[in-house]
Amino acid sequence: MSKVVIKKKGKKPLTFNKGALHRALGVPEGEPIPESKKKAALAGKYGDKVKKMAVFAFKGALAAGRKTAQANKKKNKKGSKK
């Protein structure tokens, strides 16, 4: 279990434990979390703490970061096909 800190200029640092949501949901790290478990976690069926982790991962800062990274990756691939 390693702590990850995301720092951005002018923003409060975000700190979280890598793999904590996988462990809380009983899914091995490296495997995707099944959609049914995602929905249950977001609904709070695994508890309040897991709900907060799920919102952070699937709807919050981490989700936004993944979408941005994916968009940048697509942009870079299109730009390199000259």
Protein backbone atom coordinates (compact mmCIF):
# COMPACT_ATOMS: atom_id res chain seq x y z
CA MET A 1 0.00 0.00 0.00
CA SER A 2 1.61 3.20 -1.15
CA LYS A 3 0.41 6.73 -0.60
CA VAL A 4 0.06 8.86 -3.71
CA VAL A 5 0.01 12.66 -3.61
CA ILE A 6 -1.12 14.72 -6.58
CA LYS A 7 0.09 18.31 -6.37
CA LYS A 8 -1.13 21.10 -8.60
CA LYS A 9 -0.10 24.74 -8.37
CA GLY A 10 -2.69 26.77 -6.49
CA LYS A 11 -4.67 23.68 -5.40
CA LYS A 12 -4.76 21.61 -2.23
CA PRO A 13 -2.72 18.38 -2.63
CA LEU A 14 -4.81 15.20 -3.11
CA THR A 15 -3.64 12.19 -1.10
CA PHE A 16 -4.90 8.63 -1.46
CA ASN A 17 -3.76 5.04 -0.98
CA LYS A 18 -3.08 3.25 -4.24
CA GLY A 19 -5.19 0.08 -4.58
CA ALA A 20 -7.37 0.79 -1.54
CA LEU A 21 -10.63 0.70 -3.51
CA HIS A 22 -9.68 -2.63 -5.10
CA ARG A 23 -8.93 -4.11 -1.66
CA ALA A 24 -12.17 -2.74 -0.18
CA LEU A 25 -14.22 -4.26 -3.02
CA GLY A 26 -12.33 -7.58 -3.00
CA VAL A 27 -10.98 -7.18 -6.53
CA PRO A 28 -7.33 -8.07 -7.20
CA GLU A 29 -5.18 -5.10 -8.22
CA GLY A 30 -4.48 -5.06 -11.92
CA GLU A 31 -7.97 -6.32 -12.79
CA PRO A 32 -10.75 -3.91 -13.70
CA ILE A 33 -13.49 -3.37 -11.14
CA PRO A 34 -16.75 -4.93 -12.40
CA GLU A 35 -19.51 -2.46 -13.28
CA SER A 36 -21.86 -4.00 -10.69
CA LYS A 37 -19.33 -3.39 -7.89
CA LYS A 38 -18.72 0.18 -9.13
CA LYS A 39 -22.44 0.95 -8.96
CA ALA A 40 -22.77 -0.68 -5.52
CA ALA A 41 -19.78 1.28 -4.20
CA LEU A 42 -21.16 4.56 -5.58
CA ALA A 43 -24.52 3.77 -3.97
CA GLY A 44 -22.82 3.28 -0.59
CA LYS A 45 -23.53 -0.44 -0.20
CA TYR A 46 -19.94 -1.07 0.95
CA GLY A 47 -19.98 1.75 3.50
CA ASP A 48 -19.40 5.50 3.59
CA LYS A 49 -15.61 5.37 3.28
CA VAL A 50 -15.75 3.13 0.20
CA LYS A 51 -18.42 5.41 -1.29
CA LYS A 52 -16.07 8.39 -0.90
CA MET A 53 -13.23 6.44 -2.53
CA ALA A 54 -15.50 5.41 -5.42
CA VAL A 55 -16.73 8.95 -6.03
CA PHE A 56 -13.11 10.17 -6.01
CA ALA A 57 -12.04 7.45 -8.45
CA PHE A 58 -14.99 7.26 -10.84
CA LYS A 59 -16.50 10.76 -10.79
CA GLY A 60 -13.96 13.05 -9.15
CA ALA A 61 -10.39 14.12 -9.66
CA LEU A 62 -8.99 10.76 -10.73
CA ALA A 63 -11.69 10.26 -13.36
CA ALA A 64 -11.08 13.75 -14.76
CA GLY A 65 -7.34 13.09 -14.85
CA ARG A 66 -7.82 9.80 -16.72
CA LYS A 67 -10.09 11.50 -19.30
CA THR A 68 -7.56 14.28 -19.82
CA ALA A 69 -4.68 11.82 -20.18
CA GLN A 70 -6.66 9.72 -22.67
CA ALA A 71 -7.56 12.81 -24.75
CA ASN A 72 -3.92 13.95 -24.76
CA LYS A 73 -2.81 10.48 -25.84
CA LYS A 74 -5.23 10.55 -28.80
CA LYS A 75 -4.07 14.06 -29.74
CA ASN A 76 -0.42 13.00 -29.70
CA LYS A 77 -1.11 9.95 -31.90
CA LYS A 78 -2.92 12.07 -34.50
CA GLY A 79 -0.12 14.64 -34.52
CA SER A 80 2.64 12.06 -35.07
CA LYS A 81 1.11 10.51 -38.23
CA LYS A 82 2.84 12.87 -40.68
